[in-house]
């Protein structure tokens, strides 16, 4: 493993607990590479487990929000938080899930100009406000979401994804973890 993916030690796969190593190898099998964030977080196995358990609980379900909408929240708020890793990595996932090679770039720079539905616009308006001015949320913000068909569970997911990735963004800033090169072309060009 290379030290350049983190300012902190990056463990060798062979030195990791079996469950952490198995999870990393499963991702490598599916993606064709190991995302740098997995190796960076493996430095602290208990936190690795907690991080990815919460990540999966938020991101790998379709109730209330689609998987693409969940990624939209990550990309839009990570852009505001200046997190290159999350914009590039989750932008790749978004391009694939939304089947739109333009949407991630649009959301990372200005969600109000993106090719998205009014419902998704309302979702991102809420996420952006929570990300940048959480203390200013008021009942009208919640009613705007309800007016677009979001129930309390979906609103919780919008807020929890926003909050979780604020933490993730800060961890990437702390560690200096760069995005993998493979993410840049995913969802833009056919898979080799």
N, C-alpha and C. Protein backbone atom coordinates (compact mmCIF):
# COMPACT_ATOMS: atom_id res chain seq x y z
N UNK A 1 0.84 -1.17 0.00
CA UNK A 1 0.00 0.00 0.00
C UNK A 1 0.90 1.24 0.00
N UNK A 2 0.36 2.28 -0.57
CA UNK A 2 1.14 3.50 -0.65
C UNK A 2 0.75 4.46 0.48
N UNK A 3 1.71 5.17 1.00
CA UNK A 3 1.45 6.16 2.05
C UNK A 3 0.79 7.41 1.48
N UNK A 4 0.85 7.60 0.15
CA UNK A 4 0.36 8.84 -0.45
C UNK A 4 -1.16 8.99 -0.41
N UNK A 5 -1.90 7.96 -0.02
CA UNK A 5 -3.35 8.10 0.04
C UNK A 5 -3.83 8.60 1.40
N UNK A 6 -2.91 8.78 2.34
CA UNK A 6 -3.30 9.29 3.65
C UNK A 6 -2.10 9.89 4.37
N UNK A 7 -2.36 10.89 5.16
CA UNK A 7 -1.32 11.45 6.02
C UNK A 7 -1.04 10.53 7.21
N UNK A 8 -1.86 9.51 7.37
CA UNK A 8 -1.75 8.57 8.48
C UNK A 8 -1.35 7.20 7.93
N UNK A 9 -0.94 6.29 8.78
CA UNK A 9 -0.52 4.97 8.29
C UNK A 9 -1.63 4.26 7.51
N UNK A 10 -1.23 3.59 6.46
CA UNK A 10 -2.14 2.77 5.66
C UNK A 10 -1.70 1.32 5.84
N UNK A 11 -2.53 0.50 6.47
CA UNK A 11 -2.12 -0.87 6.75
C UNK A 11 -2.05 -1.74 5.50
N UNK A 12 -1.26 -2.78 5.58
CA UNK A 12 -1.23 -3.80 4.54
C UNK A 12 -2.48 -4.65 4.68
N UNK A 13 -3.04 -5.09 3.58
CA UNK A 13 -4.23 -5.94 3.64
C UNK A 13 -4.01 -7.16 4.52
N UNK A 14 -2.86 -7.76 4.44
CA UNK A 14 -2.56 -8.97 5.21
C UNK A 14 -2.58 -8.73 6.71
N UNK A 15 -2.40 -7.48 7.12
CA UNK A 15 -2.35 -7.15 8.55
C UNK A 15 -3.72 -6.78 9.13
N UNK A 16 -4.74 -6.73 8.31
CA UNK A 16 -6.07 -6.29 8.76
C UNK A 16 -6.86 -7.45 9.36
N UNK A 17 -7.82 -7.15 10.24
CA UNK A 17 -8.73 -8.19 10.71
C UNK A 17 -9.46 -8.82 9.51
N UNK A 18 -9.79 -10.08 9.63
CA UNK A 18 -10.38 -10.81 8.50
C UNK A 18 -11.60 -10.12 7.92
N UNK A 19 -12.52 -9.64 8.77
CA UNK A 19 -13.75 -9.04 8.26
C UNK A 19 -13.48 -7.75 7.48
N UNK A 20 -12.52 -6.96 7.93
CA UNK A 20 -12.18 -5.72 7.22
C UNK A 20 -11.52 -6.06 5.89
N UNK A 21 -10.58 -6.98 5.91
CA UNK A 21 -9.91 -7.39 4.67
C UNK A 21 -10.93 -7.97 3.69
N UNK A 22 -11.84 -8.82 4.18
CA UNK A 22 -12.84 -9.43 3.29
C UNK A 22 -13.74 -8.38 2.65
N UNK A 23 -14.10 -7.36 3.42
CA UNK A 23 -14.95 -6.30 2.87
C UNK A 23 -14.19 -5.52 1.78
N UNK A 24 -12.93 -5.25 2.02
CA UNK A 24 -12.13 -4.53 1.02
C UNK A 24 -11.97 -5.38 -0.23
N UNK A 25 -11.70 -6.65 -0.08
CA UNK A 25 -11.52 -7.53 -1.24
C UNK A 25 -12.83 -7.69 -2.02
N UNK A 26 -13.96 -7.69 -1.34
CA UNK A 26 -15.25 -7.77 -2.03
C UNK A 26 -15.49 -6.53 -2.89
N UNK A 27 -15.13 -5.37 -2.36
CA UNK A 27 -15.26 -4.13 -3.13
C UNK A 27 -14.32 -4.16 -4.33
N UNK A 28 -13.11 -4.63 -4.11
CA UNK A 28 -12.14 -4.73 -5.21
C UNK A 28 -12.66 -5.66 -6.31
N UNK A 29 -13.25 -6.77 -5.91
CA UNK A 29 -13.81 -7.71 -6.89
C UNK A 29 -14.90 -7.05 -7.72
N UNK A 30 -15.78 -6.31 -7.07
CA UNK A 30 -16.90 -5.68 -7.76
C UNK A 30 -16.46 -4.49 -8.63
N UNK A 31 -15.61 -3.63 -8.08
CA UNK A 31 -15.22 -2.39 -8.78
C UNK A 31 -14.02 -2.58 -9.70
N UNK A 32 -13.19 -3.55 -9.41
CA UNK A 32 -11.97 -3.72 -10.18
C UNK A 32 -10.78 -2.99 -9.57
N UNK A 33 -11.00 -2.31 -8.45
CA UNK A 33 -9.95 -1.61 -7.73
C UNK A 33 -10.44 -1.36 -6.31
N UNK A 34 -9.53 -0.96 -5.43
CA UNK A 34 -9.90 -0.65 -4.06
C UNK A 34 -10.00 0.87 -3.92
N UNK A 35 -11.20 1.40 -3.64
CA UNK A 35 -11.30 2.84 -3.41
C UNK A 35 -10.39 3.27 -2.26
N UNK A 36 -9.68 4.36 -2.46
CA UNK A 36 -8.71 4.82 -1.46
C UNK A 36 -9.31 5.03 -0.08
N UNK A 37 -10.58 5.42 0.00
CA UNK A 37 -11.18 5.67 1.30
C UNK A 37 -11.23 4.39 2.15
N UNK A 38 -11.38 3.24 1.52
CA UNK A 38 -11.38 1.98 2.27
C UNK A 38 -10.03 1.75 2.93
N UNK A 39 -8.97 1.99 2.18
CA UNK A 39 -7.63 1.79 2.72
C UNK A 39 -7.30 2.83 3.78
N UNK A 40 -7.74 4.07 3.55
CA UNK A 40 -7.49 5.13 4.53
C UNK A 40 -8.18 4.81 5.85
N UNK A 41 -9.45 4.40 5.79
CA UNK A 41 -10.20 4.12 7.01
C UNK A 41 -9.78 2.82 7.69
N UNK A 42 -9.15 1.92 6.97
CA UNK A 42 -8.71 0.65 7.55
C UNK A 42 -7.65 0.86 8.63
N UNK A 43 -7.08 2.03 8.69
CA UNK A 43 -6.12 2.40 9.73
C UNK A 43 -6.72 2.17 11.13
N UNK A 44 -8.04 2.30 11.24
CA UNK A 44 -8.73 2.13 12.52
C UNK A 44 -9.93 1.20 12.30
N UNK A 45 -9.72 -0.11 12.43
CA UNK A 45 -10.75 -1.09 12.05
C UNK A 45 -12.11 -0.89 12.71
N UNK A 46 -12.18 -0.54 13.97
CA UNK A 46 -13.49 -0.36 14.61
C UNK A 46 -14.24 0.79 13.96
N UNK A 47 -13.56 1.86 13.63
CA UNK A 47 -14.19 2.99 12.97
C UNK A 47 -14.54 2.66 11.52
N UNK A 48 -13.69 1.87 10.85
CA UNK A 48 -13.98 1.38 9.50
C UNK A 48 -15.32 0.66 9.49
N UNK A 49 -15.49 -0.28 10.43
CA UNK A 49 -16.73 -1.06 10.50
C UNK A 49 -17.93 -0.14 10.73
N UNK A 50 -17.82 0.77 11.69
CA UNK A 50 -18.94 1.66 12.02
C UNK A 50 -19.26 2.57 10.83
N UNK A 51 -18.24 3.10 10.20
CA UNK A 51 -18.42 4.00 9.06
C UNK A 51 -19.18 3.30 7.95
N UNK A 52 -18.70 2.13 7.55
CA UNK A 52 -19.32 1.47 6.41
C UNK A 52 -20.67 0.85 6.76
N UNK A 53 -20.87 0.47 8.00
CA UNK A 53 -22.21 0.00 8.39
C UNK A 53 -23.22 1.14 8.28
N UNK A 54 -22.85 2.32 8.77
CA UNK A 54 -23.77 3.45 8.68
C UNK A 54 -23.93 3.91 7.23
N UNK A 55 -22.82 3.94 6.50
CA UNK A 55 -22.88 4.27 5.07
C UNK A 55 -23.89 3.39 4.36
N UNK A 56 -23.77 2.09 4.54
CA UNK A 56 -24.65 1.16 3.84
C UNK A 56 -26.10 1.29 4.31
N UNK A 57 -26.31 1.54 5.60
CA UNK A 57 -27.67 1.72 6.10
C UNK A 57 -28.34 2.93 5.45
N UNK A 58 -27.58 3.97 5.16
CA UNK A 58 -28.12 5.17 4.53
C UNK A 58 -28.20 5.07 3.01
N UNK A 59 -27.21 4.45 2.40
CA UNK A 59 -27.06 4.56 0.95
C UNK A 59 -27.57 3.37 0.14
N UNK A 60 -27.74 2.24 0.77
CA UNK A 60 -28.07 1.03 0.01
C UNK A 60 -29.52 0.60 0.14
N UNK A 61 -30.43 1.55 0.26
CA UNK A 61 -31.85 1.21 0.27
C UNK A 61 -32.57 2.10 -0.72
N UNK A 62 -33.75 1.69 -1.13
CA UNK A 62 -34.52 2.45 -2.11
C UNK A 62 -35.77 3.08 -1.53
N UNK A 63 -36.06 2.89 -0.27
CA UNK A 63 -37.27 3.45 0.33
C UNK A 63 -37.16 4.97 0.45
N UNK A 64 -38.19 5.68 -0.01
CA UNK A 64 -38.24 7.13 0.14
C UNK A 64 -37.44 7.90 -0.88
N UNK A 65 -36.20 7.52 -1.07
CA UNK A 65 -35.30 8.14 -2.05
C UNK A 65 -34.72 7.02 -2.92
N UNK A 66 -34.47 7.33 -4.18
CA UNK A 66 -33.78 6.36 -5.01
C UNK A 66 -32.29 6.36 -4.64
N UNK A 67 -31.58 5.34 -5.07
CA UNK A 67 -30.13 5.32 -4.83
C UNK A 67 -29.46 6.48 -5.55
N UNK A 68 -29.95 6.85 -6.72
CA UNK A 68 -29.38 7.99 -7.44
C UNK A 68 -29.62 9.28 -6.65
N UNK A 69 -30.81 9.46 -6.08
CA UNK A 69 -31.08 10.66 -5.29
C UNK A 69 -30.18 10.73 -4.07
N UNK A 70 -29.90 9.61 -3.47
CA UNK A 70 -28.99 9.59 -2.32
C UNK A 70 -27.60 10.08 -2.74
N UNK A 71 -27.15 9.64 -3.90
CA UNK A 71 -25.85 10.09 -4.40
C UNK A 71 -25.87 11.57 -4.77
N UNK A 72 -27.02 12.06 -5.25
CA UNK A 72 -27.14 13.49 -5.56
C UNK A 72 -26.85 14.34 -4.33
N UNK A 73 -27.38 13.92 -3.19
CA UNK A 73 -27.15 14.65 -1.94
C UNK A 73 -25.66 14.68 -1.62
N UNK A 74 -25.00 13.54 -1.76
CA UNK A 74 -23.57 13.46 -1.47
C UNK A 74 -22.78 14.39 -2.37
N UNK A 75 -23.06 14.36 -3.66
CA UNK A 75 -22.29 15.16 -4.61
C UNK A 75 -22.53 16.65 -4.39
N UNK A 76 -23.80 17.05 -4.23
CA UNK A 76 -24.09 18.48 -4.07
C UNK A 76 -23.48 19.04 -2.79
N UNK A 77 -23.61 18.33 -1.68
CA UNK A 77 -23.08 18.85 -0.41
C UNK A 77 -21.56 18.72 -0.34
N UNK A 78 -21.01 17.67 -0.93
CA UNK A 78 -19.55 17.51 -0.93
C UNK A 78 -18.89 18.58 -1.79
N UNK A 79 -19.57 19.01 -2.85
CA UNK A 79 -19.05 20.11 -3.66
C UNK A 79 -18.95 21.39 -2.84
N UNK A 80 -19.99 21.65 -2.05
CA UNK A 80 -19.98 22.84 -1.17
C UNK A 80 -18.91 22.72 -0.09
N UNK A 81 -18.62 21.50 0.32
CA UNK A 81 -17.60 21.25 1.35
C UNK A 81 -16.19 21.10 0.76
N UNK A 82 -16.08 21.28 -0.53
CA UNK A 82 -14.78 21.22 -1.22
C UNK A 82 -14.08 19.88 -1.03
N UNK A 83 -14.84 18.80 -1.06
CA UNK A 83 -14.27 17.47 -0.89
C UNK A 83 -14.11 16.81 -2.26
N UNK A 84 -12.92 16.92 -2.82
CA UNK A 84 -12.65 16.36 -4.13
C UNK A 84 -12.91 14.86 -4.17
N UNK A 85 -12.45 14.14 -3.14
CA UNK A 85 -12.64 12.69 -3.14
C UNK A 85 -14.12 12.33 -3.29
N UNK A 86 -14.97 12.91 -2.46
CA UNK A 86 -16.38 12.54 -2.47
C UNK A 86 -17.09 13.01 -3.73
N UNK A 87 -16.73 14.17 -4.25
CA UNK A 87 -17.33 14.63 -5.49
C UNK A 87 -16.97 13.68 -6.63
N UNK A 88 -15.70 13.29 -6.71
CA UNK A 88 -15.26 12.44 -7.82
C UNK A 88 -15.79 11.01 -7.65
N UNK A 89 -15.63 10.43 -6.47
CA UNK A 89 -16.04 9.04 -6.25
C UNK A 89 -17.56 8.89 -6.32
N UNK A 90 -18.28 9.73 -5.59
CA UNK A 90 -19.74 9.62 -5.60
C UNK A 90 -20.34 10.19 -6.87
N UNK A 91 -19.62 11.09 -7.52
CA UNK A 91 -20.04 11.54 -8.84
C UNK A 91 -20.04 10.39 -9.83
N UNK A 92 -19.04 9.52 -9.74
CA UNK A 92 -18.98 8.34 -10.61
C UNK A 92 -20.17 7.43 -10.36
N UNK A 93 -20.45 7.17 -9.08
CA UNK A 93 -21.58 6.31 -8.73
C UNK A 93 -22.89 6.96 -9.21
N UNK A 94 -23.02 8.27 -9.02
CA UNK A 94 -24.22 8.97 -9.47
C UNK A 94 -24.40 8.87 -10.98
N UNK A 95 -23.34 9.08 -11.73
CA UNK A 95 -23.46 8.99 -13.19
C UNK A 95 -24.01 7.62 -13.60
N UNK A 96 -23.54 6.59 -12.94
CA UNK A 96 -23.98 5.23 -13.25
C UNK A 96 -25.43 5.03 -12.82
N UNK A 97 -25.75 5.42 -11.60
CA UNK A 97 -27.11 5.18 -11.09
C UNK A 97 -28.15 6.04 -11.78
N UNK A 98 -27.79 7.26 -12.15
CA UNK A 98 -28.73 8.15 -12.83
C UNK A 98 -28.73 7.95 -14.34
N UNK A 99 -27.75 7.21 -14.84
CA UNK A 99 -27.59 7.01 -16.28
C UNK A 99 -27.52 8.36 -17.01
N UNK A 100 -26.76 9.28 -16.41
CA UNK A 100 -26.62 10.62 -16.95
C UNK A 100 -25.17 11.07 -16.72
N UNK A 101 -24.36 11.19 -17.78
CA UNK A 101 -22.96 11.54 -17.60
C UNK A 101 -22.71 12.99 -17.21
N UNK A 102 -23.74 13.85 -17.25
CA UNK A 102 -23.58 15.27 -16.95
C UNK A 102 -23.98 15.66 -15.53
N UNK A 103 -24.90 14.91 -14.94
CA UNK A 103 -25.55 15.38 -13.72
C UNK A 103 -24.59 15.57 -12.55
N UNK A 104 -23.60 14.74 -12.38
CA UNK A 104 -22.69 14.88 -11.24
C UNK A 104 -21.91 16.19 -11.31
N UNK A 105 -21.42 16.53 -12.48
CA UNK A 105 -20.69 17.79 -12.62
C UNK A 105 -21.59 18.99 -12.34
N UNK A 106 -22.83 18.90 -12.80
CA UNK A 106 -23.78 19.97 -12.57
C UNK A 106 -24.06 20.15 -11.08
N UNK A 107 -24.29 19.04 -10.39
CA UNK A 107 -24.61 19.12 -8.97
C UNK A 107 -23.42 19.58 -8.14
N UNK A 108 -22.23 19.20 -8.53
CA UNK A 108 -21.04 19.58 -7.76
C UNK A 108 -20.75 21.07 -7.86
N UNK A 109 -21.23 21.71 -8.91
CA UNK A 109 -20.94 23.13 -9.08
C UNK A 109 -22.13 24.03 -8.73
N UNK A 110 -23.36 23.61 -9.14
CA UNK A 110 -24.54 24.44 -8.86
C UNK A 110 -25.79 23.58 -9.04
N UNK A 111 -26.30 23.05 -7.96
CA UNK A 111 -27.45 22.15 -8.05
C UNK A 111 -28.68 22.82 -8.64
N UNK A 112 -28.75 24.14 -8.59
CA UNK A 112 -29.92 24.85 -9.10
C UNK A 112 -29.94 24.91 -10.62
N UNK A 113 -28.84 24.58 -11.26
CA UNK A 113 -28.77 24.60 -12.73
C UNK A 113 -28.74 23.18 -13.30
N UNK A 114 -28.90 22.18 -12.47
CA UNK A 114 -28.76 20.78 -12.90
C UNK A 114 -30.01 20.26 -13.59
N UNK A 115 -29.82 19.23 -14.38
CA UNK A 115 -30.90 18.54 -15.10
C UNK A 115 -31.58 17.56 -14.15
N UNK A 116 -32.37 18.11 -13.22
CA UNK A 116 -33.06 17.28 -12.23
C UNK A 116 -34.51 17.74 -12.12
N UNK A 117 -35.32 16.91 -11.50
CA UNK A 117 -36.74 17.22 -11.36
C UNK A 117 -36.97 18.27 -10.26
N UNK A 118 -38.13 18.91 -10.26
CA UNK A 118 -38.46 19.84 -9.17
C UNK A 118 -38.40 19.16 -7.79
N UNK A 119 -38.80 17.90 -7.72
CA UNK A 119 -38.74 17.15 -6.46
C UNK A 119 -37.28 17.03 -5.99
N UNK A 120 -36.40 16.68 -6.91
CA UNK A 120 -34.98 16.56 -6.56
C UNK A 120 -34.38 17.93 -6.23
N UNK A 121 -34.84 18.96 -6.89
CA UNK A 121 -34.40 20.32 -6.58
C UNK A 121 -34.76 20.67 -5.14
N UNK A 122 -35.98 20.37 -4.72
CA UNK A 122 -36.41 20.64 -3.35
C UNK A 122 -35.57 19.84 -2.35
N UNK A 123 -35.30 18.58 -2.69
CA UNK A 123 -34.47 17.73 -1.83
C UNK A 123 -33.08 18.35 -1.63
N UNK A 124 -32.49 18.82 -2.72
CA UNK A 124 -31.15 19.39 -2.63
C UNK A 124 -31.15 20.77 -2.00
N UNK A 125 -32.20 21.55 -2.21
CA UNK A 125 -32.30 22.83 -1.51
C UNK A 125 -32.25 22.60 0.01
N UNK A 126 -32.97 21.58 0.47
CA UNK A 126 -33.00 21.25 1.89
C UNK A 126 -31.62 20.77 2.36
N UNK A 127 -31.01 19.84 1.60
CA UNK A 127 -29.70 19.30 1.99
C UNK A 127 -28.64 20.40 2.03
N UNK A 128 -28.67 21.27 1.05
CA UNK A 128 -27.69 22.37 1.00
C UNK A 128 -27.89 23.31 2.18
N UNK A 129 -29.13 23.63 2.49
CA UNK A 129 -29.38 24.51 3.64
C UNK A 129 -28.91 23.86 4.93
N UNK A 130 -29.21 22.57 5.11
CA UNK A 130 -28.74 21.87 6.30
C UNK A 130 -27.22 21.86 6.35
N UNK A 131 -26.59 21.63 5.21
CA UNK A 131 -25.13 21.57 5.15
C UNK A 131 -24.47 22.91 5.48
N UNK A 132 -25.06 23.99 5.00
CA UNK A 132 -24.43 25.29 5.12
C UNK A 132 -25.00 26.18 6.23
N UNK A 133 -26.28 25.98 6.57
CA UNK A 133 -26.95 26.81 7.57
C UNK A 133 -27.95 25.98 8.35
N UNK A 134 -27.51 24.88 8.89
CA UNK A 134 -28.41 23.97 9.58
C UNK A 134 -29.24 24.62 10.66
N UNK A 135 -28.65 25.59 11.33
CA UNK A 135 -29.38 26.27 12.41
C UNK A 135 -30.55 27.08 11.89
N UNK A 136 -30.59 27.35 10.58
CA UNK A 136 -31.66 28.17 10.00
C UNK A 136 -32.84 27.34 9.48
N UNK A 137 -32.76 26.02 9.57
CA UNK A 137 -33.91 25.21 9.14
C UNK A 137 -35.14 25.61 9.94
N UNK A 138 -36.27 25.69 9.25
CA UNK A 138 -37.51 26.03 9.94
C UNK A 138 -38.65 25.19 9.37
N UNK A 139 -39.84 25.27 9.95
CA UNK A 139 -40.95 24.43 9.50
C UNK A 139 -41.25 24.55 8.00
N UNK A 140 -41.05 25.70 7.42
CA UNK A 140 -41.31 25.87 5.98
C UNK A 140 -40.40 24.98 5.13
N UNK A 141 -39.18 24.75 5.58
CA UNK A 141 -38.27 23.87 4.84
C UNK A 141 -38.81 22.45 4.80
N UNK A 142 -39.35 22.00 5.91
CA UNK A 142 -39.92 20.65 5.98
C UNK A 142 -41.21 20.56 5.16
N UNK A 143 -42.02 21.61 5.21
CA UNK A 143 -43.27 21.62 4.45
C UNK A 143 -42.99 21.63 2.95
N UNK A 144 -41.93 22.31 2.53
CA UNK A 144 -41.57 22.30 1.11
C UNK A 144 -41.27 20.87 0.65
N UNK A 145 -40.57 20.11 1.47
CA UNK A 145 -40.29 18.71 1.12
C UNK A 145 -41.57 17.89 1.10
N UNK A 146 -42.40 18.07 2.09
CA UNK A 146 -43.67 17.31 2.14
C UNK A 146 -44.53 17.63 0.91
N UNK A 147 -44.46 18.87 0.45
CA UNK A 147 -45.20 19.26 -0.75
C UNK A 147 -44.74 18.54 -2.00
N UNK A 148 -43.55 17.99 -1.96
CA UNK A 148 -43.03 17.21 -3.08
C UNK A 148 -43.13 15.71 -2.82
N UNK A 149 -43.87 15.33 -1.78
CA UNK A 149 -44.12 13.92 -1.53
C UNK A 149 -43.15 13.22 -0.61
N UNK A 150 -42.24 13.95 0.00
CA UNK A 150 -41.31 13.33 0.94
C UNK A 150 -42.00 13.14 2.29
N UNK A 151 -41.90 11.94 2.85
CA UNK A 151 -42.44 11.70 4.19
C UNK A 151 -41.32 11.90 5.22
N UNK A 152 -41.66 11.74 6.49
CA UNK A 152 -40.67 11.99 7.55
C UNK A 152 -39.45 11.07 7.44
N UNK A 153 -39.65 9.84 7.02
CA UNK A 153 -38.51 8.92 6.89
C UNK A 153 -37.56 9.38 5.78
N UNK A 154 -38.11 9.82 4.67
CA UNK A 154 -37.28 10.32 3.57
C UNK A 154 -36.57 11.61 3.99
N UNK A 155 -37.26 12.47 4.73
CA UNK A 155 -36.64 13.71 5.20
C UNK A 155 -35.49 13.39 6.15
N UNK A 156 -35.69 12.40 7.03
CA UNK A 156 -34.60 11.96 7.91
C UNK A 156 -33.42 11.51 7.07
N UNK A 157 -33.68 10.71 6.02
CA UNK A 157 -32.59 10.22 5.18
C UNK A 157 -31.84 11.37 4.52
N UNK A 158 -32.56 12.36 4.02
CA UNK A 158 -31.90 13.52 3.40
C UNK A 158 -30.96 14.17 4.42
N UNK A 159 -31.46 14.38 5.63
CA UNK A 159 -30.64 15.01 6.66
C UNK A 159 -29.49 14.13 7.12
N UNK A 160 -29.74 12.84 7.31
CA UNK A 160 -28.69 11.94 7.78
C UNK A 160 -27.59 11.76 6.75
N UNK A 161 -27.95 11.68 5.47
CA UNK A 161 -26.93 11.59 4.42
C UNK A 161 -26.10 12.86 4.39
N UNK A 162 -26.75 14.00 4.48
CA UNK A 162 -26.04 15.28 4.51
C UNK A 162 -25.06 15.32 5.68
N UNK A 163 -25.51 14.92 6.85
CA UNK A 163 -24.66 14.95 8.04
C UNK A 163 -23.52 13.94 7.96
N UNK A 164 -23.84 12.73 7.54
CA UNK A 164 -22.82 11.68 7.45
C UNK A 164 -21.70 12.09 6.50
N UNK A 165 -22.07 12.64 5.36
CA UNK A 165 -21.03 13.00 4.39
C UNK A 165 -20.31 14.28 4.76
N UNK A 166 -20.88 15.12 5.62
CA UNK A 166 -20.09 16.23 6.17
C UNK A 166 -18.93 15.66 6.98
N UNK A 167 -19.21 14.61 7.76
CA UNK A 167 -18.15 13.95 8.50
C UNK A 167 -17.14 13.30 7.55
N UNK A 168 -17.65 12.60 6.57
CA UNK A 168 -16.78 11.94 5.60
C UNK A 168 -15.88 12.96 4.89
N UNK A 169 -16.47 14.08 4.48
CA UNK A 169 -15.69 15.14 3.83
C UNK A 169 -14.55 15.60 4.72
N UNK A 170 -14.85 15.78 6.01
CA UNK A 170 -13.82 16.26 6.94
C UNK A 170 -12.73 15.21 7.16
N UNK A 171 -13.09 13.93 7.19
CA UNK A 171 -12.08 12.88 7.32
C UNK A 171 -11.15 12.87 6.11
N UNK A 172 -11.70 13.07 4.93
CA UNK A 172 -10.87 13.13 3.72
C UNK A 172 -9.95 14.35 3.78
N UNK A 173 -10.46 15.48 4.26
CA UNK A 173 -9.61 16.66 4.41
C UNK A 173 -8.49 16.39 5.41
N UNK A 174 -8.84 15.75 6.52
CA UNK A 174 -7.87 15.41 7.56
C UNK A 174 -6.74 14.54 7.01
N UNK A 175 -7.13 13.54 6.23
CA UNK A 175 -6.15 12.55 5.77
C UNK A 175 -5.49 12.90 4.45
N UNK A 176 -6.07 13.83 3.71
CA UNK A 176 -5.51 14.18 2.41
C UNK A 176 -5.70 13.09 1.37
N UNK A 177 -6.76 12.32 1.49
CA UNK A 177 -6.98 11.18 0.60
C UNK A 177 -7.48 11.63 -0.77
N UNK A 178 -6.74 11.28 -1.84
CA UNK A 178 -7.16 11.65 -3.19
C UNK A 178 -8.11 10.61 -3.78
N UNK A 179 -8.90 11.02 -4.76
CA UNK A 179 -9.74 10.03 -5.45
C UNK A 179 -8.90 9.10 -6.32
N UNK A 180 -9.36 7.89 -6.48
CA UNK A 180 -8.71 6.95 -7.40
C UNK A 180 -8.89 7.46 -8.83
N UNK A 181 -7.89 7.27 -9.66
CA UNK A 181 -7.98 7.67 -11.07
C UNK A 181 -9.17 7.02 -11.76
N UNK A 182 -9.49 5.79 -11.41
CA UNK A 182 -10.56 5.05 -12.08
C UNK A 182 -11.91 5.75 -11.96
N UNK A 183 -12.13 6.51 -10.90
CA UNK A 183 -13.42 7.17 -10.70
C UNK A 183 -13.70 8.23 -11.76
N UNK A 184 -12.67 8.87 -12.28
CA UNK A 184 -12.88 10.01 -13.18
C UNK A 184 -13.65 9.65 -14.44
N UNK A 185 -13.45 8.47 -14.97
CA UNK A 185 -14.12 8.09 -16.22
C UNK A 185 -15.35 7.22 -16.02
N UNK A 186 -15.57 6.73 -14.81
CA UNK A 186 -16.73 5.87 -14.58
C UNK A 186 -18.02 6.60 -14.87
N UNK A 187 -18.87 5.94 -15.65
CA UNK A 187 -20.16 6.54 -16.02
C UNK A 187 -20.06 7.55 -17.13
N UNK A 188 -18.85 7.76 -17.63
CA UNK A 188 -18.66 8.68 -18.77
C UNK A 188 -18.35 7.91 -20.05
N UNK A 189 -17.58 6.84 -19.90
CA UNK A 189 -17.20 6.01 -21.04
C UNK A 189 -17.58 4.57 -20.74
N UNK A 190 -17.84 3.78 -21.76
CA UNK A 190 -18.18 2.37 -21.52
C UNK A 190 -17.09 1.65 -20.73
N UNK A 191 -17.55 0.77 -19.85
CA UNK A 191 -16.62 0.00 -19.02
C UNK A 191 -15.81 -0.95 -19.90
N UNK A 192 -14.51 -1.01 -19.64
CA UNK A 192 -13.62 -1.86 -20.46
C UNK A 192 -13.82 -3.32 -20.13
